[in-house]
Structures are given as C-alpha cells and as structure tokens.
Amino acid sequence: MQQEVVLAMLAKEPSQGYQLRARMNDALGPLGEALNAGQVYVTLGRLEKAGLVAVEETPESTGPADRDRKVYVLTAAGQQRVAEWLAEVSWPKPDLAEFHLKLIAAAAAGLADPIGIIDAQRRELLRRLRDAQRAEMAVPDGSDAALLLEGIALRLQADLRWLEACEANWTIRRRKR
C-alpha cells in the first residue's frame, strides 16, 4: 500500500486504523475491497517509525471494560510529505513490462509462437477489462471509484490495442517468409 495514500487520508482527520480503512474503502469502492486490513496497520507502523505519524492513546469505553485505542495523527513531517506528494507530477514510466520482454525473448529464441503468447495475454486483459467494467457499473456515476475504474479500463483497452499491433506485425512477418 502506498504510504502517501494513508498520509493523505489521515490529513483529513486523525483516525483509528479501522476508521482509516473504512474511509479508504468508501473512497475506492470495489477497489478498496482488495485492501487487507493488515496492510493498513503495517503501513501505519512504518509511518510511525519514519516520524510521519504519531499515535495518541485515547481511552474509550466500549463495554464493561475500558481500554485504550490508538488514534493516528499526522506529524508536521507527515503533513509536509503529503504536500510534497500532491505537488509531484508523476505518471508511470513508459518502460518495458515483463510481458513485453517475454514476448520478444520467446519470439527471438524460437521458444514459442508470439501470436499464441499474444492470444493468452489478450484473454487475460479481456477478463480484467470485464471485471473493471462490471465493478464500474456497480458504483455511482461520477464517484471517485468510478473515475479510478474508468482509468483502469482505458489502460487495459490501450494494452489490447498494442496487442493487436503486435499480432499484425507478426502476421506480416510470417507472410514475408
């Protein structure tokens, strides 16, 4: 889990771990379901060690026995890190993914038919695209989760178009032989 996301969610208000996870689930919709509760607590622990988050113990009466609850609060350094993160302009680097390298290596070494590799990848991308589109239909239009799911779907569609270009390239090569 990206630490800056947790910091940004804490910037709104100090929270207990379960409250933070609930807010993240609300914001992310179906994408938040993949978040493991343990990830949130591990990330909070790392942020605390880094001095970006402080823990306040607050007594809470939840029944016959009072017990302390941890409330996580951004430190000044944590607030600074959130501000820096929000000011950063970033995008995934257009580098070669493992699939790209596998495709070229298998084809160059004659280990596998590149079109077969492309077909297998296409089936997986289509499955992921269907999943993203179903999830998008399940969230309210205009929500943050819908926007994230639309981005995922558009990236998958771009990857599918690239696979079509790869297939066309290898098909032309075969005809020239």
N, C-alpha and C. Protein backbone atom coordinates (compact mmCIF):
# COMPACT_ATOMS: atom_id res chain seq x y z
N MET A 1 0.85 -1.17 0.00
CA MET A 1 0.00 0.00 0.00
C MET A 1 0.90 1.24 0.00
N GLN A 2 0.55 2.20 -0.81
CA GLN A 2 1.35 3.40 -0.91
C GLN A 2 1.17 4.25 0.34
N GLN A 3 2.28 4.55 0.98
CA GLN A 3 2.25 5.27 2.24
C GLN A 3 1.61 6.65 2.11
N GLU A 4 1.84 7.30 0.99
CA GLU A 4 1.29 8.65 0.81
C GLU A 4 -0.23 8.65 0.79
N VAL A 5 -0.83 7.58 0.32
CA VAL A 5 -2.30 7.49 0.32
C VAL A 5 -2.80 7.48 1.76
N VAL A 6 -2.15 6.71 2.60
CA VAL A 6 -2.54 6.66 4.01
C VAL A 6 -2.34 8.02 4.65
N LEU A 7 -1.22 8.67 4.36
CA LEU A 7 -0.96 10.00 4.92
C LEU A 7 -2.04 10.99 4.48
N ALA A 8 -2.39 10.94 3.20
CA ALA A 8 -3.41 11.86 2.69
C ALA A 8 -4.76 11.62 3.36
N MET A 9 -5.11 10.36 3.59
CA MET A 9 -6.37 10.06 4.25
C MET A 9 -6.35 10.54 5.71
N LEU A 10 -5.18 10.48 6.33
CA LEU A 10 -5.06 10.96 7.70
C LEU A 10 -5.05 12.49 7.76
N ALA A 11 -4.72 13.14 6.66
CA ALA A 11 -4.68 14.60 6.64
C ALA A 11 -6.07 15.17 6.90
N LYS A 12 -7.09 14.43 6.54
CA LYS A 12 -8.46 14.91 6.77
C LYS A 12 -8.75 15.00 8.25
N GLU A 13 -8.41 13.92 8.98
CA GLU A 13 -8.64 13.91 10.42
C GLU A 13 -7.90 12.73 11.04
N PRO A 14 -7.48 12.87 12.28
CA PRO A 14 -6.87 11.74 12.98
C PRO A 14 -7.86 10.58 13.01
N SER A 15 -7.34 9.37 12.94
CA SER A 15 -8.23 8.21 12.85
C SER A 15 -7.63 6.99 13.51
N GLN A 16 -8.51 6.12 13.92
CA GLN A 16 -8.10 4.78 14.32
C GLN A 16 -7.90 3.98 13.04
N GLY A 17 -7.17 2.91 13.14
CA GLY A 17 -6.87 2.11 11.95
C GLY A 17 -8.11 1.65 11.21
N TYR A 18 -9.09 1.14 11.95
CA TYR A 18 -10.29 0.63 11.27
C TYR A 18 -11.09 1.76 10.63
N GLN A 19 -11.06 2.97 11.25
CA GLN A 19 -11.76 4.11 10.65
C GLN A 19 -11.09 4.51 9.34
N LEU A 20 -9.77 4.49 9.36
CA LEU A 20 -9.00 4.83 8.17
C LEU A 20 -9.29 3.85 7.04
N ARG A 21 -9.30 2.58 7.36
CA ARG A 21 -9.60 1.56 6.35
C ARG A 21 -11.02 1.74 5.82
N ALA A 22 -11.97 2.04 6.66
CA ALA A 22 -13.35 2.25 6.22
C ALA A 22 -13.44 3.45 5.27
N ARG A 23 -12.72 4.53 5.58
CA ARG A 23 -12.73 5.71 4.70
C ARG A 23 -12.09 5.38 3.35
N MET A 24 -11.03 4.58 3.39
CA MET A 24 -10.39 4.20 2.14
C MET A 24 -11.33 3.32 1.31
N ASN A 25 -12.02 2.40 1.96
CA ASN A 25 -12.98 1.56 1.24
C ASN A 25 -14.09 2.39 0.63
N ASP A 26 -14.58 3.38 1.38
CA ASP A 26 -15.63 4.26 0.85
C ASP A 26 -15.13 5.02 -0.38
N ALA A 27 -13.90 5.52 -0.30
CA ALA A 27 -13.35 6.31 -1.40
C ALA A 27 -13.04 5.45 -2.62
N LEU A 28 -12.56 4.24 -2.40
CA LEU A 28 -12.13 3.39 -3.51
C LEU A 28 -13.21 2.46 -4.05
N GLY A 29 -14.31 2.35 -3.35
CA GLY A 29 -15.37 1.46 -3.82
C GLY A 29 -14.86 0.03 -3.90
N PRO A 30 -15.17 -0.68 -5.00
CA PRO A 30 -14.77 -2.08 -5.11
C PRO A 30 -13.26 -2.27 -5.11
N LEU A 31 -12.51 -1.25 -5.50
CA LEU A 31 -11.05 -1.37 -5.48
C LEU A 31 -10.54 -1.46 -4.04
N GLY A 32 -11.26 -0.88 -3.11
CA GLY A 32 -10.87 -0.92 -1.71
C GLY A 32 -11.07 -2.28 -1.07
N GLU A 33 -11.90 -3.11 -1.68
CA GLU A 33 -12.14 -4.44 -1.13
C GLU A 33 -10.90 -5.30 -1.15
N ALA A 34 -9.98 -4.99 -2.06
CA ALA A 34 -8.74 -5.76 -2.16
C ALA A 34 -7.76 -5.40 -1.05
N LEU A 35 -8.02 -4.29 -0.37
CA LEU A 35 -7.12 -3.88 0.70
C LEU A 35 -7.26 -4.80 1.90
N ASN A 36 -6.18 -5.28 2.34
CA ASN A 36 -6.12 -6.14 3.51
C ASN A 36 -6.00 -5.24 4.74
N ALA A 37 -6.77 -5.50 5.76
CA ALA A 37 -6.73 -4.68 6.97
C ALA A 37 -5.32 -4.65 7.55
N GLY A 38 -4.62 -5.75 7.46
CA GLY A 38 -3.25 -5.81 7.97
C GLY A 38 -2.32 -4.85 7.26
N GLN A 39 -2.56 -4.62 5.94
CA GLN A 39 -1.72 -3.69 5.19
C GLN A 39 -1.81 -2.28 5.78
N VAL A 40 -3.01 -1.90 6.17
CA VAL A 40 -3.20 -0.56 6.73
C VAL A 40 -2.38 -0.42 8.01
N TYR A 41 -2.45 -1.42 8.87
CA TYR A 41 -1.73 -1.35 10.15
C TYR A 41 -0.22 -1.44 9.95
N VAL A 42 0.23 -2.25 9.02
CA VAL A 42 1.67 -2.33 8.74
C VAL A 42 2.16 -0.98 8.22
N THR A 43 1.39 -0.38 7.32
CA THR A 43 1.77 0.92 6.78
C THR A 43 1.78 1.98 7.87
N LEU A 44 0.78 1.98 8.74
CA LEU A 44 0.76 2.93 9.85
C LEU A 44 1.98 2.75 10.74
N GLY A 45 2.37 1.52 10.99
CA GLY A 45 3.56 1.25 11.81
C GLY A 45 4.81 1.81 11.16
N ARG A 46 4.93 1.64 9.87
CA ARG A 46 6.10 2.18 9.14
C ARG A 46 6.11 3.70 9.17
N LEU A 47 4.94 4.28 9.00
CA LEU A 47 4.84 5.74 9.03
C LEU A 47 5.19 6.29 10.41
N GLU A 48 4.80 5.56 11.43
CA GLU A 48 5.13 5.98 12.80
C GLU A 48 6.64 5.92 13.02
N LYS A 49 7.27 4.84 12.59
CA LYS A 49 8.73 4.71 12.72
C LYS A 49 9.47 5.80 11.96
N ALA A 50 8.90 6.21 10.82
CA ALA A 50 9.51 7.25 10.00
C ALA A 50 9.25 8.65 10.54
N GLY A 51 8.44 8.77 11.59
CA GLY A 51 8.15 10.07 12.16
C GLY A 51 7.12 10.88 11.40
N LEU A 52 6.37 10.22 10.53
CA LEU A 52 5.36 10.92 9.74
C LEU A 52 3.98 10.87 10.39
N VAL A 53 3.83 9.94 11.34
CA VAL A 53 2.58 9.74 12.05
C VAL A 53 2.91 9.56 13.53
N ALA A 54 2.07 10.12 14.38
CA ALA A 54 2.20 9.90 15.82
C ALA A 54 0.95 9.16 16.29
N VAL A 55 1.12 8.44 17.39
CA VAL A 55 0.00 7.68 17.94
C VAL A 55 -0.42 8.32 19.25
N GLU A 56 -1.71 8.55 19.37
CA GLU A 56 -2.27 9.05 20.62
C GLU A 56 -3.15 7.95 21.18
N GLU A 57 -2.93 7.62 22.43
CA GLU A 57 -3.79 6.64 23.09
C GLU A 57 -4.97 7.39 23.68
N THR A 58 -6.17 6.96 23.35
CA THR A 58 -7.36 7.60 23.90
C THR A 58 -8.22 6.57 24.58
N PRO A 59 -8.60 6.83 25.82
CA PRO A 59 -9.46 5.87 26.49
C PRO A 59 -10.84 5.85 25.82
N GLU A 60 -11.35 4.66 25.66
CA GLU A 60 -12.66 4.54 25.04
C GLU A 60 -13.45 3.50 25.82
N SER A 61 -14.62 3.88 26.22
CA SER A 61 -15.47 2.94 26.94
C SER A 61 -16.34 2.21 25.94
N THR A 62 -16.08 0.93 25.77
CA THR A 62 -16.85 0.15 24.78
C THR A 62 -17.66 -0.94 25.43
N GLY A 63 -17.72 -0.95 26.70
CA GLY A 63 -18.46 -2.01 27.36
C GLY A 63 -18.06 -2.08 28.81
N PRO A 64 -18.08 -3.26 29.37
CA PRO A 64 -17.77 -3.39 30.79
C PRO A 64 -16.34 -2.97 31.13
N ALA A 65 -15.42 -3.10 30.20
CA ALA A 65 -14.03 -2.74 30.49
C ALA A 65 -13.59 -1.59 29.60
N ASP A 66 -12.95 -0.60 30.19
CA ASP A 66 -12.37 0.48 29.39
C ASP A 66 -11.06 -0.01 28.81
N ARG A 67 -10.78 0.39 27.60
CA ARG A 67 -9.49 0.03 27.01
C ARG A 67 -9.01 1.17 26.14
N ASP A 68 -7.71 1.20 25.93
CA ASP A 68 -7.13 2.27 25.13
C ASP A 68 -7.23 1.93 23.64
N ARG A 69 -7.44 2.95 22.83
CA ARG A 69 -7.48 2.83 21.38
C ARG A 69 -6.40 3.74 20.81
N LYS A 70 -5.76 3.29 19.75
CA LYS A 70 -4.74 4.10 19.09
C LYS A 70 -5.41 4.99 18.05
N VAL A 71 -5.10 6.26 18.13
CA VAL A 71 -5.54 7.22 17.12
C VAL A 71 -4.28 7.73 16.44
N TYR A 72 -4.26 7.64 15.12
CA TYR A 72 -3.09 8.04 14.34
C TYR A 72 -3.28 9.48 13.88
N VAL A 73 -2.22 10.29 14.07
CA VAL A 73 -2.26 11.71 13.76
C VAL A 73 -1.04 12.04 12.91
N LEU A 74 -1.22 12.87 11.90
CA LEU A 74 -0.08 13.31 11.10
C LEU A 74 0.82 14.21 11.93
N THR A 75 2.12 14.02 11.78
CA THR A 75 3.08 14.95 12.38
C THR A 75 3.32 16.08 11.36
N ALA A 76 4.09 17.06 11.75
CA ALA A 76 4.44 18.14 10.81
C ALA A 76 5.18 17.56 9.61
N ALA A 77 6.06 16.59 9.86
CA ALA A 77 6.79 15.94 8.76
C ALA A 77 5.82 15.19 7.85
N GLY A 78 4.80 14.56 8.42
CA GLY A 78 3.78 13.87 7.63
C GLY A 78 2.98 14.83 6.77
N GLN A 79 2.63 15.97 7.35
CA GLN A 79 1.90 16.99 6.58
C GLN A 79 2.75 17.50 5.43
N GLN A 80 4.05 17.69 5.69
CA GLN A 80 4.98 18.14 4.65
C GLN A 80 5.08 17.10 3.53
N ARG A 81 5.16 15.83 3.90
CA ARG A 81 5.26 14.76 2.90
C ARG A 81 4.01 14.70 2.03
N VAL A 82 2.83 14.88 2.63
CA VAL A 82 1.58 14.89 1.84
C VAL A 82 1.61 16.06 0.85
N ALA A 83 2.02 17.23 1.32
CA ALA A 83 2.08 18.41 0.44
C ALA A 83 3.06 18.18 -0.71
N GLU A 84 4.21 17.59 -0.42
CA GLU A 84 5.20 17.30 -1.48
C GLU A 84 4.63 16.29 -2.48
N TRP A 85 3.98 15.26 -1.95
CA TRP A 85 3.42 14.22 -2.82
C TRP A 85 2.36 14.80 -3.75
N LEU A 86 1.50 15.65 -3.21
CA LEU A 86 0.44 16.25 -4.03
C LEU A 86 1.02 17.18 -5.09
N ALA A 87 2.16 17.79 -4.81
CA ALA A 87 2.78 18.70 -5.76
C ALA A 87 3.58 17.97 -6.84
N GLU A 88 3.92 16.72 -6.60
CA GLU A 88 4.69 15.95 -7.58
C GLU A 88 3.86 15.70 -8.83
N VAL A 89 4.51 15.78 -9.97
CA VAL A 89 3.88 15.40 -11.22
C VAL A 89 4.49 14.06 -11.60
N SER A 90 3.66 13.04 -11.61
CA SER A 90 4.20 11.71 -11.90
C SER A 90 3.23 10.94 -12.77
N TRP A 91 3.77 9.98 -13.45
CA TRP A 91 2.99 9.07 -14.27
C TRP A 91 3.84 7.84 -14.43
N PRO A 92 3.23 6.70 -14.60
CA PRO A 92 4.07 5.51 -14.79
C PRO A 92 5.04 5.71 -15.94
N LYS A 93 6.28 5.30 -15.72
CA LYS A 93 7.30 5.42 -16.76
C LYS A 93 6.93 4.49 -17.92
N PRO A 94 7.13 4.98 -19.12
CA PRO A 94 6.82 4.13 -20.27
C PRO A 94 7.95 3.12 -20.50
N ASP A 95 8.15 2.24 -19.53
CA ASP A 95 9.22 1.27 -19.65
C ASP A 95 8.67 -0.08 -20.10
N LEU A 96 9.56 -0.99 -20.32
CA LEU A 96 9.16 -2.30 -20.78
C LEU A 96 8.67 -3.14 -19.60
N ALA A 97 7.50 -3.68 -19.75
CA ALA A 97 6.94 -4.57 -18.73
C ALA A 97 7.48 -5.98 -18.98
N GLU A 98 7.33 -6.83 -17.99
CA GLU A 98 7.79 -8.20 -18.12
C GLU A 98 7.17 -8.88 -19.34
N PHE A 99 5.89 -8.61 -19.60
CA PHE A 99 5.24 -9.24 -20.75
C PHE A 99 5.93 -8.86 -22.05
N HIS A 100 6.27 -7.59 -22.21
CA HIS A 100 6.93 -7.14 -23.45
C HIS A 100 8.22 -7.91 -23.67
N LEU A 101 9.00 -8.04 -22.61
CA LEU A 101 10.28 -8.74 -22.71
C LEU A 101 10.08 -10.23 -22.98
N LYS A 102 9.10 -10.83 -22.34
CA LYS A 102 8.81 -12.25 -22.55
C LYS A 102 8.42 -12.49 -24.01
N LEU A 103 7.59 -11.62 -24.54
CA LEU A 103 7.12 -11.76 -25.92
C LEU A 103 8.30 -11.72 -26.89
N ILE A 104 9.15 -10.74 -26.76
CA ILE A 104 10.27 -10.58 -27.67
C ILE A 104 11.28 -11.71 -27.50
N ALA A 105 11.60 -12.06 -26.25
CA ALA A 105 12.58 -13.12 -25.99
C ALA A 105 12.09 -14.47 -26.53
N ALA A 106 10.83 -14.79 -26.28
CA ALA A 106 10.30 -16.07 -26.76
C ALA A 106 10.30 -16.12 -28.28
N ALA A 107 9.95 -15.01 -28.92
CA ALA A 107 9.93 -14.97 -30.38
C ALA A 107 11.35 -15.05 -30.94
N ALA A 108 12.27 -14.28 -30.38
CA ALA A 108 13.65 -14.25 -30.88
C ALA A 108 14.35 -15.59 -30.71
N ALA A 109 14.07 -16.27 -29.62
CA ALA A 109 14.70 -17.56 -29.35
C ALA A 109 13.95 -18.73 -29.99
N GLY A 110 12.81 -18.45 -30.59
CA GLY A 110 12.03 -19.50 -31.21
C GLY A 110 11.43 -20.47 -30.20
N LEU A 111 11.21 -19.98 -28.98
CA LEU A 111 10.69 -20.85 -27.92
C LEU A 111 9.17 -21.02 -27.96
N ALA A 112 8.51 -20.04 -28.52
CA ALA A 112 7.04 -20.08 -28.56
C ALA A 112 6.55 -19.20 -29.69
N ASP A 113 5.36 -19.49 -30.13
CA ASP A 113 4.72 -18.69 -31.17
C ASP A 113 4.29 -17.36 -30.55
N PRO A 114 4.79 -16.24 -31.05
CA PRO A 114 4.41 -14.95 -30.46
C PRO A 114 2.91 -14.70 -30.50
N ILE A 115 2.25 -15.17 -31.52
CA ILE A 115 0.80 -14.96 -31.62
C ILE A 115 0.08 -15.75 -30.53
N GLY A 116 0.57 -16.92 -30.19
CA GLY A 116 -0.01 -17.69 -29.09
C GLY A 116 0.16 -16.96 -27.76
N ILE A 117 1.33 -16.37 -27.56
CA ILE A 117 1.58 -15.59 -26.34
C ILE A 117 0.65 -14.38 -26.30
N ILE A 118 0.50 -13.73 -27.45
CA ILE A 118 -0.39 -12.57 -27.55
C ILE A 118 -1.83 -12.96 -27.25
N ASP A 119 -2.27 -14.10 -27.80
CA ASP A 119 -3.64 -14.56 -27.56
C ASP A 119 -3.90 -14.81 -26.08
N ALA A 120 -2.95 -15.46 -25.41
CA ALA A 120 -3.11 -15.73 -23.97
C ALA A 120 -3.18 -14.42 -23.19
N GLN A 121 -2.33 -13.47 -23.54
CA GLN A 121 -2.34 -12.17 -22.85
C GLN A 121 -3.65 -11.43 -23.12
N ARG A 122 -4.12 -11.51 -24.36
CA ARG A 122 -5.38 -10.85 -24.73
C ARG A 122 -6.54 -11.39 -23.89
N ARG A 123 -6.61 -12.72 -23.75
CA ARG A 123 -7.69 -13.31 -22.95
C ARG A 123 -7.65 -12.78 -21.51
N GLU A 124 -6.46 -12.69 -20.95
CA GLU A 124 -6.34 -12.18 -19.57
C GLU A 124 -6.74 -10.71 -19.49
N LEU A 125 -6.30 -9.90 -20.43
CA LEU A 125 -6.66 -8.48 -20.42
C LEU A 125 -8.16 -8.29 -20.61
N LEU A 126 -8.77 -9.10 -21.46
CA LEU A 126 -10.22 -9.01 -21.65
C LEU A 126 -10.96 -9.39 -20.38
N ARG A 127 -10.47 -10.40 -19.67
CA ARG A 127 -11.08 -10.78 -18.39
C ARG A 127 -10.98 -9.62 -17.39
N ARG A 128 -9.80 -9.02 -17.31
CA ARG A 128 -9.63 -7.89 -16.39
C ARG A 128 -10.49 -6.70 -16.79
N LEU A 129 -10.60 -6.47 -18.09
CA LEU A 129 -11.44 -5.37 -18.57
C LEU A 129 -12.90 -5.61 -18.20
N ARG A 130 -13.39 -6.83 -18.39
CA ARG A 130 -14.77 -7.15 -17.99
C ARG A 130 -14.97 -6.93 -16.50
N ASP A 131 -14.00 -7.37 -15.69
CA ASP A 131 -14.10 -7.18 -14.24
C ASP A 131 -14.15 -5.69 -13.89
N ALA A 132 -13.31 -4.89 -14.53
CA ALA A 132 -13.29 -3.45 -14.25
C ALA A 132 -14.60 -2.80 -14.68
N GLN A 133 -15.13 -3.21 -15.82
CA GLN A 133 -16.38 -2.63 -16.30
C GLN A 133 -17.56 -3.04 -15.42
N ARG A 134 -17.58 -4.29 -14.95
CA ARG A 134 -18.64 -4.71 -14.02
C ARG A 134 -18.56 -3.92 -12.73
N ALA A 135 -17.34 -3.76 -12.21
CA ALA A 135 -17.17 -3.01 -10.98
C ALA A 135 -17.58 -1.56 -11.17
N GLU A 136 -17.28 -1.00 -12.33
CA GLU A 136 -17.65 0.39 -12.62
C GLU A 136 -19.16 0.56 -12.65
N MET A 137 -19.86 -0.44 -13.16
CA MET A 137 -21.33 -0.36 -13.21
C MET A 137 -21.94 -0.44 -11.81
N ALA A 138 -21.20 -1.01 -10.87
CA ALA A 138 -21.72 -1.20 -9.51
C ALA A 138 -21.52 0.01 -8.61
N VAL A 139 -20.79 1.03 -9.09
CA VAL A 139 -20.56 2.21 -8.26
C VAL A 139 -21.33 3.39 -8.85
N PRO A 140 -21.64 4.37 -8.02
CA PRO A 140 -22.39 5.53 -8.53
C PRO A 140 -21.61 6.30 -9.60
N ASP A 141 -22.32 6.75 -10.63
CA ASP A 141 -21.71 7.58 -11.67
C ASP A 141 -21.12 8.83 -11.03
N GLY A 142 -19.98 9.22 -11.52
CA GLY A 142 -19.35 10.44 -11.02
C GLY A 142 -18.60 10.28 -9.72
N SER A 143 -18.59 9.07 -9.16
CA SER A 143 -17.88 8.86 -7.90
C SER A 143 -16.38 8.72 -8.16
N ASP A 144 -15.59 8.88 -7.11
CA ASP A 144 -14.15 8.71 -7.23
C ASP A 144 -13.81 7.30 -7.69
N ALA A 145 -14.51 6.32 -7.16
CA ALA A 145 -14.26 4.93 -7.54
C ALA A 145 -14.56 4.72 -9.03
N ALA A 146 -15.62 5.33 -9.54
CA ALA A 146 -15.96 5.20 -10.96
C ALA A 146 -14.85 5.80 -11.83
N LEU A 147 -14.31 6.91 -11.40
CA LEU A 147 -13.22 7.55 -12.14
C LEU A 147 -11.98 6.65 -12.16
N LEU A 148 -11.63 6.04 -11.02
CA LEU A 148 -10.49 5.14 -10.97
C LEU A 148 -10.71 3.92 -11.85
N LEU A 149 -11.89 3.36 -11.81
CA LEU A 149 -12.20 2.18 -12.62
C LEU A 149 -12.19 2.51 -14.11
N GLU A 150 -12.64 3.71 -14.46
CA GLU A 150 -12.58 4.13 -15.87
C GLU A 150 -11.13 4.21 -16.33
N GLY A 151 -10.25 4.73 -15.47
CA GLY A 151 -8.83 4.80 -15.81
C GLY A 151 -8.23 3.43 -16.03
N ILE A 152 -8.60 2.48 -15.17
CA ILE A 152 -8.11 1.11 -15.33
C ILE A 152 -8.61 0.54 -16.66
N ALA A 153 -9.88 0.74 -16.97
CA ALA A 153 -10.45 0.22 -18.21
C ALA A 153 -9.77 0.83 -19.43
N LEU A 154 -9.51 2.11 -19.39
CA LEU A 154 -8.86 2.77 -20.53
C LEU A 154 -7.43 2.26 -20.73
N ARG A 155 -6.71 2.03 -19.65
CA ARG A 155 -5.34 1.49 -19.77
C ARG A 155 -5.38 0.07 -20.34
N LEU A 156 -6.34 -0.73 -19.89
CA LEU A 156 -6.47 -2.09 -20.43
C LEU A 156 -6.81 -2.06 -21.92
N GLN A 157 -7.68 -1.13 -22.32
CA GLN A 157 -8.03 -1.00 -23.73
C GLN A 157 -6.81 -0.60 -24.57
N ALA A 158 -5.97 0.27 -24.02
CA ALA A 158 -4.75 0.66 -24.73
C ALA A 158 -3.82 -0.54 -24.88
N ASP A 159 -3.69 -1.34 -23.84
CA ASP A 159 -2.86 -2.54 -23.92
C ASP A 159 -3.41 -3.52 -24.96
N LEU A 160 -4.73 -3.64 -25.03
CA LEU A 160 -5.34 -4.51 -26.03
C LEU A 160 -5.05 -4.01 -27.45
N ARG A 161 -5.08 -2.70 -27.65
CA ARG A 161 -4.76 -2.15 -28.97
C ARG A 161 -3.30 -2.44 -29.33
N TRP A 162 -2.40 -2.36 -28.33
CA TRP A 162 -1.00 -2.67 -28.59
C TRP A 162 -0.85 -4.14 -28.98
N LEU A 163 -1.58 -5.02 -28.31
CA LEU A 163 -1.51 -6.44 -28.67
C LEU A 163 -1.98 -6.66 -30.11
N GLU A 164 -3.00 -5.91 -30.54
CA GLU A 164 -3.46 -6.01 -31.93
C GLU A 164 -2.34 -5.60 -32.88
N ALA A 165 -1.61 -4.55 -32.54
CA ALA A 165 -0.48 -4.09 -33.37
C ALA A 165 0.62 -5.15 -33.41
N CYS A 166 0.88 -5.79 -32.28
CA CYS A 166 1.88 -6.86 -32.24
C CYS A 166 1.47 -8.02 -33.12
N GLU A 167 0.21 -8.41 -33.01
CA GLU A 167 -0.29 -9.52 -33.82
C GLU A 167 -0.18 -9.19 -35.30
N ALA A 168 -0.54 -7.98 -35.68
CA ALA A 168 -0.45 -7.57 -37.08
C ALA A 168 1.00 -7.61 -37.54
N ASN A 169 1.92 -7.19 -36.72
CA ASN A 169 3.34 -7.18 -37.05
C ASN A 169 3.84 -8.60 -37.33
N TRP A 170 3.52 -9.55 -36.43
CA TRP A 170 4.00 -10.92 -36.63
C TRP A 170 3.27 -11.61 -37.79
N THR A 171 2.04 -11.23 -38.03
CA THR A 171 1.32 -11.80 -39.16
C THR A 171 1.98 -11.36 -40.47
N ILE A 172 2.34 -10.11 -40.57
CA ILE A 172 3.03 -9.59 -41.76
C ILE A 172 4.38 -10.28 -41.93
N ARG A 173 5.11 -10.47 -40.85
CA ARG A 173 6.41 -11.16 -40.92
C ARG A 173 6.25 -12.57 -41.46
N ARG A 174 5.22 -13.27 -41.03
CA ARG A 174 5.01 -14.64 -41.49
C ARG A 174 4.71 -14.68 -43.00
N ARG A 175 3.96 -13.71 -43.46
CA ARG A 175 3.61 -13.69 -44.88
C ARG A 175 4.84 -13.44 -45.75
N LYS A 176 5.81 -12.70 -45.21
CA LYS A 176 7.02 -12.36 -45.98
C LYS A 176 7.99 -13.54 -46.06
N ARG A 177 7.82 -14.53 -45.23
CA ARG A 177 8.76 -15.67 -45.21
C ARG A 177 8.55 -16.56 -46.38
